[in-house]
Amino acid sequence: MLVEYVRLRLESGDGSQAKEYRIEDGNVEVRTLDPEGGSVRGTGVWWRLTPEQLSIHVKGNSVVAQWLERRLGWRRLLQACVGQEPSVWKVGENTSHQLL
C-alpha cells in the first residue's frame, strides 16, 4: 500500500505567516512558514502540538480540527486531546460505547 504524506497549509489573507500541519508517526506537528513559503524556525523544523493545543482546535471546531478528524477519525483525535500516546491507539477499533 502506498502511504501518502498529506499536509494542511493555512495561509492568512492579511499576509501574516502561514502554518503547515502534518501527521508524523502518529503525532500532529506544525511549522510556521514565511510569506515566500520557507520555514521561519529553520528549514524542515516541525514541533508537536500538545494535547492542550489540539483541544483548543477541537473546541473551536477549527479547520485544523476538521482536517484531523478526517485524517485520524474522531476517536484517535479525542485520544490525542487527552494525551494518549499513538502507540496505544487501536487500529480499526469499531466498538460503540454508551455514556452513562
PDB file of N, CA and C in Angstrom:
ATOM      1  N   MET A   1       0.834  -1.169   0.000  1.00  0.00           N
ATOM      2  CA  MET A   1       0.000   0.000   0.000  1.00  0.00           C
ATOM      3  C   MET A   1       0.888   1.245   0.000  1.00  0.00           C
ATOM      4  N   LEU A   2       0.543   2.204  -0.836  1.00  0.00           N
ATOM      5  CA  LEU A   2       1.285   3.450  -0.912  1.00  0.00           C
ATOM      6  C   LEU A   2       0.840   4.375   0.202  1.00  0.00           C
ATOM      7  N   VAL A   3       1.798   4.879   0.971  1.00  0.00           N
ATOM      8  CA  VAL A   3       1.497   5.799   2.062  1.00  0.00           C
ATOM      9  C   VAL A   3       1.640   7.223   1.540  1.00  0.00           C
ATOM     10  N   GLU A   4       0.589   8.011   1.698  1.00  0.00           N
ATOM     11  CA  GLU A   4       0.640   9.396   1.262  1.00  0.00           C
ATOM     12  C   GLU A   4       0.963  10.292   2.447  1.00  0.00           C
ATOM     13  N   TYR A   5       1.801  11.268   2.210  1.00  0.00           N
ATOM     14  CA  TYR A   5       2.109  12.249   3.223  1.00  0.00           C
ATOM     15  C   TYR A   5       1.319  13.505   2.896  1.00  0.00           C
ATOM     16  N   VAL A   6       0.213  13.658   3.576  1.00  0.00           N
ATOM     17  CA  VAL A   6      -0.676  14.770   3.324  1.00  0.00           C
ATOM     18  C   VAL A   6      -0.446  15.841   4.375  1.00  0.00           C
ATOM     19  N   ARG A   7      -0.380  17.056   3.913  1.00  0.00           N
ATOM     20  CA  ARG A   7      -0.188  18.190   4.806  1.00  0.00           C
ATOM     21  C   ARG A   7      -1.307  19.184   4.594  1.00  0.00           C
ATOM     22  N   LEU A   8      -1.571  19.961   5.621  1.00  0.00           N
ATOM     23  CA  LEU A   8      -2.554  21.030   5.553  1.00  0.00           C
ATOM     24  C   LEU A   8      -1.807  22.345   5.698  1.00  0.00           C
ATOM     25  N   ARG A   9      -1.973  23.213   4.718  1.00  0.00           N
ATOM     26  CA  ARG A   9      -1.308  24.521   4.761  1.00  0.00           C
ATOM     27  C   ARG A   9      -2.380  25.594   4.857  1.00  0.00           C
ATOM     28  N   LEU A  10      -2.260  26.436   5.886  1.00  0.00           N
ATOM     29  CA  LEU A  10      -3.205  27.525   6.096  1.00  0.00           C
ATOM     30  C   LEU A  10      -2.492  28.846   5.891  1.00  0.00           C
ATOM     31  N   GLU A  11      -3.027  29.639   4.986  1.00  0.00           N
ATOM     32  CA  GLU A  11      -2.453  30.946   4.713  1.00  0.00           C
ATOM     33  C   GLU A  11      -3.447  32.020   5.120  1.00  0.00           C
ATOM     34  N   SER A  12      -2.928  33.106   5.622  1.00  0.00           N
ATOM     35  CA  SER A  12      -3.760  34.210   6.070  1.00  0.00           C
ATOM     36  C   SER A  12      -3.952  35.209   4.943  1.00  0.00           C
ATOM     37  N   GLY A  13      -5.130  35.811   4.889  1.00  0.00           N
ATOM     38  CA  GLY A  13      -5.404  36.820   3.888  1.00  0.00           C
ATOM     39  C   GLY A  13      -4.718  38.138   4.158  1.00  0.00           C
ATOM     40  N   ASP A  14      -4.199  38.325   5.380  1.00  0.00           N
ATOM     41  CA  ASP A  14      -3.572  39.595   5.731  1.00  0.00           C
ATOM     42  C   ASP A  14      -2.054  39.598   5.535  1.00  0.00           C
ATOM     43  N   GLY A  15      -1.523  38.533   4.940  1.00  0.00           N
ATOM     44  CA  GLY A  15      -0.092  38.479   4.668  1.00  0.00           C
ATOM     45  C   GLY A  15       0.755  37.981   5.816  1.00  0.00           C
ATOM     46  N   SER A  16       0.129  37.603   6.934  1.00  0.00           N
ATOM     47  CA  SER A  16       0.912  37.071   8.050  1.00  0.00           C
ATOM     48  C   SER A  16       1.409  35.667   7.706  1.00  0.00           C
ATOM     49  N   GLN A  17       2.213  35.133   8.570  1.00  0.00           N
ATOM     50  CA  GLN A  17       2.866  33.856   8.303  1.00  0.00           C
ATOM     51  C   GLN A  17       1.863  32.707   8.179  1.00  0.00           C
ATOM     52  N   ALA A  18       2.126  31.834   7.229  1.00  0.00           N
ATOM     53  CA  ALA A  18       1.312  30.644   7.023  1.00  0.00           C
ATOM     54  C   ALA A  18       1.762  29.551   7.991  1.00  0.00           C
ATOM     55  N   LYS A  19       0.866  28.606   8.250  1.00  0.00           N
ATOM     56  CA  LYS A  19       1.202  27.441   9.077  1.00  0.00           C
ATOM     57  C   LYS A  19       0.928  26.185   8.264  1.00  0.00           C
ATOM     58  N   GLU A  20       1.780  25.209   8.463  1.00  0.00           N
ATOM     59  CA  GLU A  20       1.644  23.932   7.786  1.00  0.00           C
ATOM     60  C   GLU A  20       1.566  22.834   8.840  1.00  0.00           C
ATOM     61  N   TYR A  21       0.576  21.959   8.710  1.00  0.00           N
ATOM     62  CA  TYR A  21       0.340  20.877   9.656  1.00  0.00           C
ATOM     63  C   TYR A  21       0.574  19.548   8.961  1.00  0.00           C
ATOM     64  N   ARG A  22       1.001  18.560   9.743  1.00  0.00           N
ATOM     65  CA  ARG A  22       1.162  17.202   9.228  1.00  0.00           C
ATOM     66  C   ARG A  22       0.967  16.224  10.374  1.00  0.00           C
ATOM     67  N   ILE A  23       0.762  14.970  10.004  1.00  0.00           N
ATOM     68  CA  ILE A  23       0.702  13.879  10.968  1.00  0.00           C
ATOM     69  C   ILE A  23       1.917  13.008  10.692  1.00  0.00           C
ATOM     70  N   GLU A  24       2.784  12.915  11.680  1.00  0.00           N
ATOM     71  CA  GLU A  24       4.044  12.187  11.527  1.00  0.00           C
ATOM     72  C   GLU A  24       4.189  11.210  12.687  1.00  0.00           C
ATOM     73  N   ASP A  25       4.306   9.941  12.394  1.00  0.00           N
ATOM     74  CA  ASP A  25       4.455   8.906  13.429  1.00  0.00           C
ATOM     75  C   ASP A  25       3.354   9.007  14.485  1.00  0.00           C
ATOM     76  N   GLY A  26       2.147   9.332  14.047  1.00  0.00           N
ATOM     77  CA  GLY A  26       1.012   9.412  14.955  1.00  0.00           C
ATOM     78  C   GLY A  26       0.908  10.712  15.725  1.00  0.00           C
ATOM     79  N   ASN A  27       1.827  11.631  15.512  1.00  0.00           N
ATOM     80  CA  ASN A  27       1.808  12.922  16.194  1.00  0.00           C
ATOM     81  C   ASN A  27       1.390  14.017  15.224  1.00  0.00           C
ATOM     82  N   VAL A  28       0.680  15.016  15.752  1.00  0.00           N
ATOM     83  CA  VAL A  28       0.302  16.169  14.943  1.00  0.00           C
ATOM     84  C   VAL A  28       1.396  17.211  15.122  1.00  0.00           C
ATOM     85  N   GLU A  29       1.977  17.640  14.001  1.00  0.00           N
ATOM     86  CA  GLU A  29       3.077  18.596  14.043  1.00  0.00           C
ATOM     87  C   GLU A  29       2.733  19.820  13.197  1.00  0.00           C
ATOM     88  N   VAL A  30       3.379  20.934  13.525  1.00  0.00           N
ATOM     89  CA  VAL A  30       3.131  22.192  12.831  1.00  0.00           C
ATOM     90  C   VAL A  30       4.447  22.928  12.649  1.00  0.00           C
ATOM     91  N   ARG A  31       4.504  23.746  11.617  1.00  0.00           N
ATOM     92  CA  ARG A  31       5.614  24.677  11.448  1.00  0.00           C
ATOM     93  C   ARG A  31       5.060  25.966  10.856  1.00  0.00           C
ATOM     94  N   THR A  32       5.754  27.051  11.129  1.00  0.00           N
ATOM     95  CA  THR A  32       5.366  28.353  10.619  1.00  0.00           C
ATOM     96  C   THR A  32       6.212  28.653   9.388  1.00  0.00           C
ATOM     97  N   LEU A  33       5.556  29.168   8.357  1.00  0.00           N
ATOM     98  CA  LEU A  33       6.241  29.489   7.111  1.00  0.00           C
ATOM     99  C   LEU A  33       6.255  30.991   6.892  1.00  0.00           C
ATOM    100  N   ASP A  34       7.311  31.472   6.265  1.00  0.00           N
ATOM    101  CA  ASP A  34       7.337  32.889   5.917  1.00  0.00           C
ATOM    102  C   ASP A  34       6.475  33.099   4.668  1.00  0.00           C
ATOM    103  N   PRO A  35       6.179  34.329   4.300  1.00  0.00           N
ATOM    104  CA  PRO A  35       5.309  34.582   3.147  1.00  0.00           C
ATOM    105  C   PRO A  35       5.809  33.973   1.838  1.00  0.00           C
ATOM    106  N   GLU A  36       7.106  33.717   1.713  1.00  0.00           N
ATOM    107  CA  GLU A  36       7.642  33.105   0.493  1.00  0.00           C
ATOM    108  C   GLU A  36       7.594  31.582   0.543  1.00  0.00           C
ATOM    109  N   GLY A  37       7.116  31.011   1.642  1.00  0.00           N
ATOM    110  CA  GLY A  37       6.959  29.570   1.740  1.00  0.00           C
ATOM    111  C   GLY A  37       8.065  28.836   2.465  1.00  0.00           C
ATOM    112  N   GLY A  38       9.106  29.542   2.900  1.00  0.00           N
ATOM    113  CA  GLY A  38      10.183  28.898   3.640  1.00  0.00           C
ATOM    114  C   GLY A  38       9.842  28.790   5.116  1.00  0.00           C
ATOM    115  N   SER A  39      10.499  27.913   5.804  1.00  0.00           N
ATOM    116  CA  SER A  39      10.247  27.732   7.224  1.00  0.00           C
ATOM    117  C   SER A  39      10.912  28.844   8.026  1.00  0.00           C
ATOM    118  N   VAL A  40      10.151  29.460   8.923  1.00  0.00           N
ATOM    119  CA  VAL A  40      10.666  30.548   9.745  1.00  0.00           C
ATOM    120  C   VAL A  40      11.597  30.028  10.827  1.00  0.00           C
ATOM    121  N   ARG A  41      11.242  28.920  11.446  1.00  0.00           N
ATOM    122  CA  ARG A  41      12.023  28.397  12.578  1.00  0.00           C
ATOM    123  C   ARG A  41      13.204  27.562  12.115  1.00  0.00           C
ATOM    124  N   GLY A  42      13.506  27.570  10.869  1.00  0.00           N
ATOM    125  CA  GLY A  42      14.598  26.759  10.332  1.00  0.00           C
ATOM    126  C   GLY A  42      14.044  25.762   9.331  1.00  0.00           C
ATOM    127  N   THR A  43      14.781  25.506   8.321  1.00  0.00           N
ATOM    128  CA  THR A  43      14.308  24.614   7.266  1.00  0.00           C
ATOM    129  C   THR A  43      14.005  23.229   7.815  1.00  0.00           C
ATOM    130  N   GLY A  44      12.781  22.775   7.578  1.00  0.00           N
ATOM    131  CA  GLY A  44      12.386  21.432   7.976  1.00  0.00           C
ATOM    132  C   GLY A  44      12.113  21.233   9.451  1.00  0.00           C
ATOM    133  N   VAL A  45      12.020  22.300  10.233  1.00  0.00           N
ATOM    134  CA  VAL A  45      11.820  22.152  11.670  1.00  0.00           C
ATOM    135  C   VAL A  45      10.321  22.140  11.982  1.00  0.00           C
ATOM    136  N   TRP A  46       9.879  21.062  12.562  1.00  0.00           N
ATOM    137  CA  TRP A  46       8.491  20.885  12.959  1.00  0.00           C
ATOM    138  C   TRP A  46       8.437  20.749  14.477  1.00  0.00           C
ATOM    139  N   TRP A  47       7.331  21.123  15.090  1.00  0.00           N
ATOM    140  CA  TRP A  47       7.150  20.864  16.511  1.00  0.00           C
ATOM    141  C   TRP A  47       5.778  20.264  16.729  1.00  0.00           C
ATOM    142  N   ARG A  48       5.709  19.433  17.768  1.00  0.00           N
ATOM    143  CA  ARG A  48       4.499  18.670  18.066  1.00  0.00           C
ATOM    144  C   ARG A  48       3.495  19.540  18.816  1.00  0.00           C
ATOM    145  N   LEU A  49       2.227  19.443  18.408  1.00  0.00           N
ATOM    146  CA  LEU A  49       1.164  20.119  19.144  1.00  0.00           C
ATOM    147  C   LEU A  49       0.891  19.350  20.429  1.00  0.00           C
ATOM    148  N   THR A  50       0.676  20.066  21.494  1.00  0.00           N
ATOM    149  CA  THR A  50       0.374  19.447  22.785  1.00  0.00           C
ATOM    150  C   THR A  50      -1.097  19.032  22.816  1.00  0.00           C
ATOM    151  N   PRO A  51      -1.470  18.154  23.740  1.00  0.00           N
ATOM    152  CA  PRO A  51      -2.891  17.815  23.889  1.00  0.00           C
ATOM    153  C   PRO A  51      -3.754  19.062  24.132  1.00  0.00           C
ATOM    154  N   GLU A  52      -3.241  20.027  24.869  1.00  0.00           N
ATOM    155  CA  GLU A  52      -3.992  21.257  25.132  1.00  0.00           C
ATOM    156  C   GLU A  52      -4.219  22.047  23.849  1.00  0.00           C
ATOM    157  N   GLN A  53      -3.194  22.139  23.003  1.00  0.00           N
ATOM    158  CA  GLN A  53      -3.333  22.855  21.732  1.00  0.00           C
ATOM    159  C   GLN A  53      -4.332  22.151  20.818  1.00  0.00           C
ATOM    160  N   LEU A  54      -4.268  20.816  20.786  1.00  0.00           N
ATOM    161  CA  LEU A  54      -5.230  20.060  19.984  1.00  0.00           C
ATOM    162  C   LEU A  54      -6.651  20.277  20.502  1.00  0.00           C
ATOM    163  N   SER A  55      -6.799  20.301  21.827  1.00  0.00           N
ATOM    164  CA  SER A  55      -8.118  20.508  22.430  1.00  0.00           C
ATOM    165  C   SER A  55      -8.705  21.858  22.054  1.00  0.00           C
ATOM    166  N   ILE A  56      -7.874  22.875  21.997  1.00  0.00           N
ATOM    167  CA  ILE A  56      -8.341  24.206  21.599  1.00  0.00           C
ATOM    168  C   ILE A  56      -8.884  24.167  20.173  1.00  0.00           C
ATOM    169  N   HIS A  57      -8.199  23.478  19.281  1.00  0.00           N
ATOM    170  CA  HIS A  57      -8.675  23.343  17.900  1.00  0.00           C
ATOM    171  C   HIS A  57     -10.023  22.613  17.864  1.00  0.00           C
ATOM    172  N   VAL A  58     -10.123  21.532  18.644  1.00  0.00           N
ATOM    173  CA  VAL A  58     -11.358  20.743  18.651  1.00  0.00           C
ATOM    174  C   VAL A  58     -12.518  21.546  19.233  1.00  0.00           C
ATOM    175  N   LYS A  59     -12.276  22.207  20.352  1.00  0.00           N
ATOM    176  CA  LYS A  59     -13.340  23.001  20.980  1.00  0.00           C
ATOM    177  C   LYS A  59     -13.847  24.096  20.053  1.00  0.00           C
ATOM    178  N   GLY A  60     -12.945  24.688  19.284  1.00  0.00           N
ATOM    179  CA  GLY A  60     -13.320  25.745  18.356  1.00  0.00           C
ATOM    180  C   GLY A  60     -13.766  25.242  17.001  1.00  0.00           C
ATOM    181  N   ASN A  61     -13.751  23.917  16.811  1.00  0.00           N
ATOM    182  CA  ASN A  61     -14.105  23.300  15.533  1.00  0.00           C
ATOM    183  C   ASN A  61     -13.356  23.973  14.380  1.00  0.00           C
ATOM    184  N   SER A  62     -12.069  24.177  14.573  1.00  0.00           N
ATOM    185  CA  SER A  62     -11.235  24.860  13.574  1.00  0.00           C
ATOM    186  C   SER A  62     -11.063  23.997  12.324  1.00  0.00           C
ATOM    187  N   VAL A  63     -10.555  24.620  11.293  1.00  0.00           N
ATOM    188  CA  VAL A  63     -10.255  23.901  10.053  1.00  0.00           C
ATOM    189  C   VAL A  63      -9.257  22.783  10.335  1.00  0.00           C
ATOM    190  N   VAL A  64      -8.316  23.046  11.218  1.00  0.00           N
ATOM    191  CA  VAL A  64      -7.320  22.036  11.588  1.00  0.00           C
ATOM    192  C   VAL A  64      -8.009  20.844  12.242  1.00  0.00           C
ATOM    193  N   ALA A  65      -8.933  21.100  13.170  1.00  0.00           N
ATOM    194  CA  ALA A  65      -9.656  20.012  13.842  1.00  0.00           C
ATOM    195  C   ALA A  65     -10.468  19.200  12.840  1.00  0.00           C
ATOM    196  N   GLN A  66     -11.118  19.869  11.907  1.00  0.00           N
ATOM    197  CA  GLN A  66     -11.904  19.160  10.903  1.00  0.00           C
ATOM    198  C   GLN A  66     -11.013  18.299  10.017  1.00  0.00           C
ATOM    199  N   TRP A  67      -9.846  18.812   9.639  1.00  0.00           N
ATOM    200  CA  TRP A  67      -8.898  18.056   8.827  1.00  0.00           C
ATOM    201  C   TRP A  67      -8.380  16.844   9.607  1.00  0.00           C
ATOM    202  N   LEU A  68      -8.048  17.064  10.889  1.00  0.00           N
ATOM    203  CA  LEU A  68      -7.550  15.963  11.714  1.00  0.00           C
ATOM    204  C   LEU A  68      -8.610  14.883  11.913  1.00  0.00           C
ATOM    205  N   GLU A  69      -9.853  15.286  12.083  1.00  0.00           N
ATOM    206  CA  GLU A  69     -10.911  14.292  12.252  1.00  0.00           C
ATOM    207  C   GLU A  69     -11.050  13.426  11.003  1.00  0.00           C
ATOM    208  N   ARG A  70     -10.935  14.025   9.829  1.00  0.00           N
ATOM    209  CA  ARG A  70     -10.990  13.241   8.588  1.00  0.00           C
ATOM    210  C   ARG A  70      -9.778  12.332   8.441  1.00  0.00           C
ATOM    211  N   ARG A  71      -8.608  12.795   8.873  1.00  0.00           N
ATOM    212  CA  ARG A  71      -7.385  12.007   8.715  1.00  0.00           C
ATOM    213  C   ARG A  71      -7.239  10.931   9.787  1.00  0.00           C
ATOM    214  N   LEU A  72      -7.576  11.272  11.043  1.00  0.00           N
ATOM    215  CA  LEU A  72      -7.368  10.354  12.169  1.00  0.00           C
ATOM    216  C   LEU A  72      -8.623   9.607  12.588  1.00  0.00           C
ATOM    217  N   GLY A  73      -9.768  10.224  12.392  1.00  0.00           N
ATOM    218  CA  GLY A  73     -11.010   9.710  12.964  1.00  0.00           C
ATOM    219  C   GLY A  73     -11.231  10.380  14.307  1.00  0.00           C
ATOM    220  N   TRP A  74     -12.485  10.463  14.728  1.00  0.00           N
ATOM    221  CA  TRP A  74     -12.790  11.206  15.955  1.00  0.00           C
ATOM    222  C   TRP A  74     -12.239  10.542  17.199  1.00  0.00           C
ATOM    223  N   ARG A  75     -12.181   9.204  17.222  1.00  0.00           N
ATOM    224  CA  ARG A  75     -11.655   8.529  18.418  1.00  0.00           C
ATOM    225  C   ARG A  75     -10.177   8.838  18.636  1.00  0.00           C
ATOM    226  N   ARG A  76      -9.396   8.723  17.581  1.00  0.00           N
ATOM    227  CA  ARG A  76      -7.960   8.992  17.709  1.00  0.00           C
ATOM    228  C   ARG A  76      -7.706  10.459  18.026  1.00  0.00           C
ATOM    229  N   LEU A  77      -8.508  11.343  17.442  1.00  0.00           N
ATOM    230  CA  LEU A  77      -8.349  12.758  17.750  1.00  0.00           C
ATOM    231  C   LEU A  77      -8.661  13.022  19.217  1.00  0.00           C
ATOM    232  N   LEU A  78      -9.713  12.417  19.723  1.00  0.00           N
ATOM    233  CA  LEU A  78     -10.041  12.561  21.146  1.00  0.00           C
ATOM    234  C   LEU A  78      -8.920  12.014  22.022  1.00  0.00           C
ATOM    235  N   GLN A  79      -8.374  10.862  21.650  1.00  0.00           N
ATOM    236  CA  GLN A  79      -7.264  10.290  22.411  1.00  0.00           C
ATOM    237  C   GLN A  79      -6.058  11.224  22.412  1.00  0.00           C
ATOM    238  N   ALA A  80      -5.789  11.868  21.283  1.00  0.00           N
ATOM    239  CA  ALA A  80      -4.670  12.811  21.212  1.00  0.00           C
ATOM    240  C   ALA A  80      -4.925  14.025  22.095  1.00  0.00           C
ATOM    241  N   CYS A  81      -6.188  14.441  22.209  1.00  0.00           N
ATOM    242  CA  CYS A  81      -6.537  15.602  23.046  1.00  0.00           C
ATOM    243  C   CYS A  81      -6.358  15.323  24.533  1.00  0.00           C
ATOM    244  N   VAL A  82      -6.454  14.082  24.924  1.00  0.00           N
ATOM    245  CA  VAL A  82      -6.274  13.743  26.344  1.00  0.00           C
ATOM    246  C   VAL A  82      -4.875  13.203  26.623  1.00  0.00           C
ATOM    247  N   GLY A  83      -4.018  13.250  25.621  1.00  0.00           N
ATOM    248  CA  GLY A  83      -2.621  12.893  25.828  1.00  0.00           C
ATOM    249  C   GLY A  83      -2.304  11.423  25.714  1.00  0.00           C
ATOM    250  N   GLN A  84      -3.220  10.640  25.156  1.00  0.00           N
ATOM    251  CA  GLN A  84      -2.935   9.217  24.992  1.00  0.00           C
ATOM    252  C   GLN A  84      -1.970   9.039  23.828  1.00  0.00           C
ATOM    253  N   GLU A  85      -0.903   8.320  24.056  1.00  0.00           N
ATOM    254  CA  GLU A  85       0.130   8.142  23.050  1.00  0.00           C
ATOM    255  C   GLU A  85      -0.380   7.314  21.873  1.00  0.00           C
ATOM    256  N   PRO A  86       0.092   7.635  20.646  1.00  0.00           N
ATOM    257  CA  PRO A  86      -0.330   6.906  19.456  1.00  0.00           C
ATOM    258  C   PRO A  86      -0.042   5.418  19.526  1.00  0.00           C
ATOM    259  N   SER A  87       0.965   5.006  20.282  1.00  0.00           N
ATOM    260  CA  SER A  87       1.318   3.586  20.351  1.00  0.00           C
ATOM    261  C   SER A  87       0.212   2.745  20.981  1.00  0.00           C
ATOM    262  N   VAL A  88      -0.687   3.377  21.741  1.00  0.00           N
ATOM    263  CA  VAL A  88      -1.768   2.614  22.354  1.00  0.00           C
ATOM    264  C   VAL A  88      -3.073   2.731  21.567  1.00  0.00           C
ATOM    265  N   TRP A  89      -3.048   3.453  20.442  1.00  0.00           N
ATOM    266  CA  TRP A  89      -4.234   3.545  19.600  1.00  0.00           C
ATOM    267  C   TRP A  89      -4.506   2.186  18.978  1.00  0.00           C
ATOM    268  N   LYS A  90      -5.739   1.789  18.961  1.00  0.00           N
ATOM    269  CA  LYS A  90      -6.124   0.522  18.356  1.00  0.00           C
ATOM    270  C   LYS A  90      -6.652   0.785  16.956  1.00  0.00           C
ATOM    271  N   VAL A  91      -5.932   0.295  15.973  1.00  0.00           N
ATOM    272  CA  VAL A  91      -6.314   0.493  14.581  1.00  0.00           C
ATOM    273  C   VAL A  91      -7.542  -0.347  14.267  1.00  0.00           C
ATOM    274  N   GLY A  92      -8.504   0.274  13.619  1.00  0.00           N
ATOM    275  CA  GLY A  92      -9.689  -0.452  13.173  1.00  0.00           C
ATOM    276  C   GLY A  92     -10.689  -0.751  14.263  1.00  0.00           C
ATOM    277  N   GLU A  93     -10.512  -0.191  15.447  1.00  0.00           N
ATOM    278  CA  GLU A  93     -11.469  -0.438  16.523  1.00  0.00           C
ATOM    279  C   GLU A  93     -12.799   0.192  16.150  1.00  0.00           C
ATOM    280  N   ASN A  94     -13.840  -0.607  16.168  1.00  0.00           N
ATOM    281  CA  ASN A  94     -15.152  -0.133  15.770  1.00  0.00           C
ATOM    282  C   ASN A  94     -16.190  -0.596  16.776  1.00  0.00           C
ATOM    283  N   THR A  95     -16.026  -0.148  17.999  1.00  0.00           N
ATOM    284  CA  THR A  95     -16.994  -0.518  19.025  1.00  0.00           C
ATOM    285  C   THR A  95     -17.724   0.725  19.466  1.00  0.00           C
ATOM    286  N   SER A  96     -18.954   0.543  19.884  1.00  0.00           N
ATOM    287  CA  SER A  96     -19.713   1.707  20.358  1.00  0.00           C
ATOM    288  C   SER A  96     -19.788   1.627  21.876  1.00  0.00           C
ATOM    289  N   HIS A  97     -19.734   2.782  22.504  1.00  0.00           N
ATOM    290  CA  HIS A  97     -19.784   2.875  23.951  1.00  0.00           C
ATOM    291  C   HIS A  97     -20.909   3.841  24.321  1.00  0.00           C
ATOM    292  N   GLN A  98     -21.660   3.493  25.325  1.00  0.00           N
ATOM    293  CA  GLN A  98     -22.703   4.375  25.794  1.00  0.00           C
ATOM    294  C   GLN A  98     -22.182   5.199  26.940  1.00  0.00           C
ATOM    295  N   LEU A  99     -22.595   6.463  26.941  1.00  0.00           N
ATOM    296  CA  LEU A  99     -22.245   7.333  28.056  1.00  0.00           C
ATOM    297  C   LEU A  99     -23.342   7.243  29.071  1.00  0.00           C
ATOM    298  N   LEU A 100     -22.986   7.040  30.321  1.00  0.00           N
ATOM    299  CA  LEU A 100     -23.985   6.939  31.375  1.00  0.00           C
ATOM    300  C   LEU A 100     -24.150   8.249  32.088  1.00  0.00           C
TER     301      LEU A 100
END
